[in-house]
């Protein structure tokens, strides 16, 4: 199953001598489909974030997303959008034109926020966010990494939609020194808000971490 969002699963040298950075996904297609929005977001982050650590001056590694089964079309599209290579039994070429990864991520985060609102029976507003925060237990990353990152991404997506409704703006990909914990930052006019970092603090149980307060005072 997908796991960590902040590191690669394996670094190895392929038969052609190229260094390959591998991310693995052992789920069956039906499992991927069952949480499509999270699957897409996880894949994009796991493939876009490592690029910040690529060695300078050398031939760039090949990013590889390895599955045991051919994944659904939407995940194949996300892998191609991130500039990675899908490998099942061997390389699986992508047919068509890969979309912009930033656009794909924005759409997926908005869709996830809507799904969270429906499944948790809350409105996508400050009151709904406050309820999600009250119900969110502190989670240890080492105890259940999948549950930990799922909670982070769900809270971040929900918070982003509230920011959009209140202030405008949208998710943008950032690189280099402009990037936060992950390359997806919420930008309102010239203000960049690291929503993912705030969500991580909330799930970690950091004292004073308050997503509602961050929405009301984004600067």
Protein backbone atom coordinates (compact mmCIF):
# COMPACT_ATOMS: atom_id res chain seq x y z
CA UNK A 1 0.00 0.00 0.00
CA UNK A 2 1.09 3.60 -0.41
CA UNK A 3 2.78 4.81 2.71
CA UNK A 4 5.14 7.68 3.25
CA UNK A 5 4.75 11.06 1.59
CA UNK A 6 8.11 12.46 2.68
CA UNK A 7 10.63 9.95 1.34
CA UNK A 8 11.17 7.47 -1.46
CA UNK A 9 10.77 3.74 -0.88
CA UNK A 10 13.93 2.61 -2.65
CA UNK A 11 16.91 3.97 -4.58
CA UNK A 12 18.66 1.54 -6.91
CA UNK A 13 20.59 1.36 -10.17
CA UNK A 14 18.73 -0.09 -13.15
CA UNK A 15 20.17 -2.43 -15.80
CA UNK A 16 20.93 0.60 -17.99
CA UNK A 17 23.10 2.15 -15.28
CA UNK A 18 20.57 4.91 -14.49
CA UNK A 19 19.78 5.62 -10.84
CA UNK A 20 16.10 5.02 -10.18
CA UNK A 21 14.00 6.38 -7.31
CA UNK A 22 11.14 3.98 -6.70
CA UNK A 23 7.76 4.52 -5.09
CA UNK A 24 5.67 1.37 -4.61
CA UNK A 25 1.91 0.82 -4.49
CA UNK A 26 0.79 -2.73 -3.72
CA UNK A 27 -2.96 -2.12 -3.76
CA UNK A 28 -5.37 -3.74 -6.16
CA UNK A 29 -7.20 -1.49 -8.66
CA UNK A 30 -10.46 -1.71 -6.67
CA UNK A 31 -8.67 -0.47 -3.54
CA UNK A 32 -7.21 2.46 -5.47
CA UNK A 33 -10.64 3.29 -6.89
CA UNK A 34 -12.24 3.21 -3.45
CA UNK A 35 -10.33 6.34 -2.40
CA UNK A 36 -9.56 7.82 -5.79
CA UNK A 37 -8.91 11.38 -4.63
CA UNK A 38 -6.42 10.36 -1.95
CA UNK A 39 -4.75 7.90 -4.32
CA UNK A 40 -4.20 10.61 -6.91
CA UNK A 41 -2.96 13.19 -4.39
CA UNK A 42 -0.63 10.72 -2.69
CA UNK A 43 0.85 9.69 -6.04
CA UNK A 44 1.45 13.28 -7.13
CA UNK A 45 3.10 14.28 -3.86
CA UNK A 46 5.22 11.13 -3.74
CA UNK A 47 6.49 11.82 -7.25
CA UNK A 48 6.77 15.62 -7.28
CA UNK A 49 8.30 16.12 -3.84
CA UNK A 50 11.46 13.98 -4.37
CA UNK A 51 12.52 16.14 -7.31
CA UNK A 52 13.66 18.77 -4.81
CA UNK A 53 16.30 16.32 -3.61
CA UNK A 54 17.65 15.34 -7.00
CA UNK A 55 21.46 15.73 -7.07
CA UNK A 56 22.70 18.81 -8.88
CA UNK A 57 25.01 18.56 -11.84
CA UNK A 58 24.49 14.86 -12.40
CA UNK A 59 22.11 12.94 -14.62
CA UNK A 60 18.73 13.09 -12.94
CA UNK A 61 17.33 9.86 -11.50
CA UNK A 62 14.40 8.11 -13.12
CA UNK A 63 11.25 8.39 -11.00
CA UNK A 64 9.47 5.05 -10.95
CA UNK A 65 6.00 4.21 -9.66
CA UNK A 66 5.78 0.43 -9.31
CA UNK A 67 2.48 -1.42 -9.01
CA UNK A 68 1.66 -5.10 -8.72
CA UNK A 69 -1.45 -4.61 -10.88
CA UNK A 70 -2.23 -2.18 -13.68
CA UNK A 71 -3.77 0.81 -11.87
CA UNK A 72 -6.90 2.73 -12.95
CA UNK A 73 -6.60 5.26 -15.76
CA UNK A 74 -6.71 8.27 -13.43
CA UNK A 75 -3.66 7.05 -11.52
CA UNK A 76 -1.78 6.33 -14.74
CA UNK A 77 -2.55 9.91 -15.75
CA UNK A 78 -1.23 11.27 -12.43
CA UNK A 79 1.99 9.29 -12.78
CA UNK A 80 2.54 10.64 -16.28
CA UNK A 81 1.70 14.19 -15.18
CA UNK A 82 4.44 13.97 -12.54
CA UNK A 83 6.96 12.92 -15.19
CA UNK A 84 7.38 9.44 -13.74
CA UNK A 85 7.47 5.98 -15.25
CA UNK A 86 4.83 3.41 -14.41
CA UNK A 87 6.18 -0.11 -13.96
CA UNK A 88 3.98 -3.17 -13.49
CA UNK A 89 5.72 -6.27 -14.83
CA UNK A 90 7.75 -3.88 -16.97
CA UNK A 91 7.49 -0.26 -18.11
CA UNK A 92 3.95 0.77 -19.12
CA UNK A 93 4.01 3.63 -21.66
CA UNK A 94 1.46 6.41 -21.22
CA UNK A 95 -0.76 6.96 -24.23
CA UNK A 96 -1.84 10.53 -24.77
CA UNK A 97 -0.78 13.92 -23.49
CA UNK A 98 -0.12 14.16 -19.76
CA UNK A 99 -2.01 17.03 -18.06
CA UNK A 100 -0.45 19.77 -15.98
CA UNK A 101 0.30 18.30 -12.53
CA UNK A 102 -0.65 21.52 -10.75
CA UNK A 103 -4.11 21.52 -12.32
CA UNK A 104 -4.56 17.84 -11.54
CA UNK A 105 -3.58 18.39 -7.91
CA UNK A 106 -5.95 21.36 -7.53
CA UNK A 107 -8.88 19.37 -8.88
CA UNK A 108 -8.08 16.36 -6.68
CA UNK A 109 -7.75 18.44 -3.49
CA UNK A 110 -11.09 20.15 -4.18
CA UNK A 111 -12.75 16.79 -4.85
CA UNK A 112 -11.29 15.32 -1.65
CA UNK A 113 -12.59 18.24 0.43
CA UNK A 114 -16.06 17.64 -1.01
CA UNK A 115 -15.82 13.92 -0.22
CA UNK A 116 -14.71 14.60 3.36
CA UNK A 117 -17.67 16.98 3.83
CA UNK A 118 -20.12 14.37 2.55
CA UNK A 119 -18.68 11.43 4.45
CA UNK A 120 -18.36 13.33 7.73
CA UNK A 121 -21.71 15.14 7.26
CA UNK A 122 -20.24 18.61 7.77
CA UNK A 123 -20.49 21.82 5.77
CA UNK A 124 -17.30 23.02 4.10
CA UNK A 125 -17.02 26.10 6.30
CA UNK A 126 -15.34 27.19 9.51
CA UNK A 127 -17.88 25.35 11.67
CA UNK A 128 -17.25 22.17 9.70
CA UNK A 129 -13.49 22.60 10.03
CA UNK A 130 -13.82 23.19 13.76
CA UNK A 131 -15.76 19.92 14.07
CA UNK A 132 -13.13 18.02 12.07
CA UNK A 133 -10.41 19.43 14.31
CA UNK A 134 -12.30 18.43 17.46
CA UNK A 135 -12.77 14.91 16.14
CA UNK A 136 -9.19 14.54 14.90
CA UNK A 137 -7.10 12.48 17.34
CA UNK A 138 -3.39 13.04 17.66
CA UNK A 139 -1.66 10.45 15.51
CA UNK A 140 1.89 9.14 15.58
CA UNK A 141 3.56 8.90 12.21
CA UNK A 142 5.36 5.71 13.20
CA UNK A 143 2.25 3.96 14.54
CA UNK A 144 0.14 3.96 11.36
CA UNK A 145 1.78 5.98 8.61
CA UNK A 146 -1.06 5.57 6.13
CA UNK A 147 -3.67 6.79 8.63
CA UNK A 148 -1.37 9.64 9.64
CA UNK A 149 -0.90 10.98 6.11
CA UNK A 150 -4.55 10.36 5.23
CA UNK A 151 -5.59 12.61 8.12
CA UNK A 152 -3.06 15.30 7.11
CA UNK A 153 -4.17 15.38 3.48
CA UNK A 154 -7.87 15.37 4.34
CA UNK A 155 -7.50 18.28 6.77
CA UNK A 156 -5.31 20.21 4.32
CA UNK A 157 -7.74 19.78 1.43
CA UNK A 158 -10.70 20.86 3.57
CA UNK A 159 -8.83 23.90 4.88
CA UNK A 160 -7.84 24.88 1.35
CA UNK A 161 -11.43 24.90 0.15
CA UNK A 162 -12.46 27.15 3.04
CA UNK A 163 -9.61 29.54 2.21
CA UNK A 164 -10.75 29.60 -1.41
CA UNK A 165 -14.35 30.38 -0.41
CA UNK A 166 -13.35 33.13 2.01
CA UNK A 167 -10.37 34.74 0.32
CA UNK A 168 -10.08 33.37 -3.21
CA UNK A 169 -6.75 31.97 -4.31
CA UNK A 170 -5.84 28.40 -5.12
CA UNK A 171 -3.31 25.63 -4.70
CA UNK A 172 -0.03 26.13 -6.55
CA UNK A 173 3.07 24.01 -6.96
CA UNK A 174 6.20 25.57 -5.56
CA UNK A 175 9.80 24.46 -5.88
CA UNK A 176 13.13 25.15 -4.22
CA UNK A 177 13.13 27.53 -1.27
CA UNK A 178 9.51 28.51 -1.97
CA UNK A 179 8.23 25.01 -1.25
CA UNK A 180 7.01 23.98 2.16
CA UNK A 181 6.76 20.51 3.66
CA UNK A 182 5.26 19.46 0.32
CA UNK A 183 5.38 21.41 -2.95
CA UNK A 184 1.64 22.21 -2.82
CA UNK A 185 1.08 25.62 -1.24
CA UNK A 186 -2.10 27.70 -1.06
CA UNK A 187 -1.61 31.15 -2.57
CA UNK A 188 -3.91 34.14 -2.03
CA UNK A 189 -2.74 37.17 -4.03
CA UNK A 190 0.91 37.43 -2.97
CA UNK A 191 0.46 35.51 0.28
CA UNK A 192 1.67 31.90 0.38
CA UNK A 193 0.12 29.67 3.06
CA UNK A 194 1.68 26.33 3.94
CA UNK A 195 -1.58 24.53 4.69
CA UNK A 196 0.08 21.11 4.72
CA UNK A 197 2.50 22.18 7.45
CA UNK A 198 -0.40 23.50 9.53
CA UNK A 199 -2.31 20.23 9.06
CA UNK A 200 0.76 18.23 10.09
CA UNK A 201 1.05 20.28 13.27
CA UNK A 202 -2.62 19.62 14.04
CA UNK A 203 -2.34 15.86 13.53
CA UNK A 204 0.92 15.81 15.51
CA UNK A 205 -0.87 17.52 18.40
CA UNK A 206 1.45 20.52 18.43
CA UNK A 207 0.36 22.95 21.13
CA UNK A 208 -1.49 25.91 19.62
CA UNK A 209 -2.03 24.25 16.25
CA UNK A 210 -5.40 25.59 15.07
CA UNK A 211 -6.48 25.40 11.43
CA UNK A 212 -9.53 27.59 12.00
CA UNK A 213 -7.33 30.33 13.41
CA UNK A 214 -5.01 29.98 10.42
CA UNK A 215 -7.92 30.46 8.04
CA UNK A 216 -9.11 33.55 9.90
CA UNK A 217 -5.58 35.04 10.08
CA UNK A 218 -3.71 33.60 7.09
CA UNK A 219 -0.75 36.02 7.23
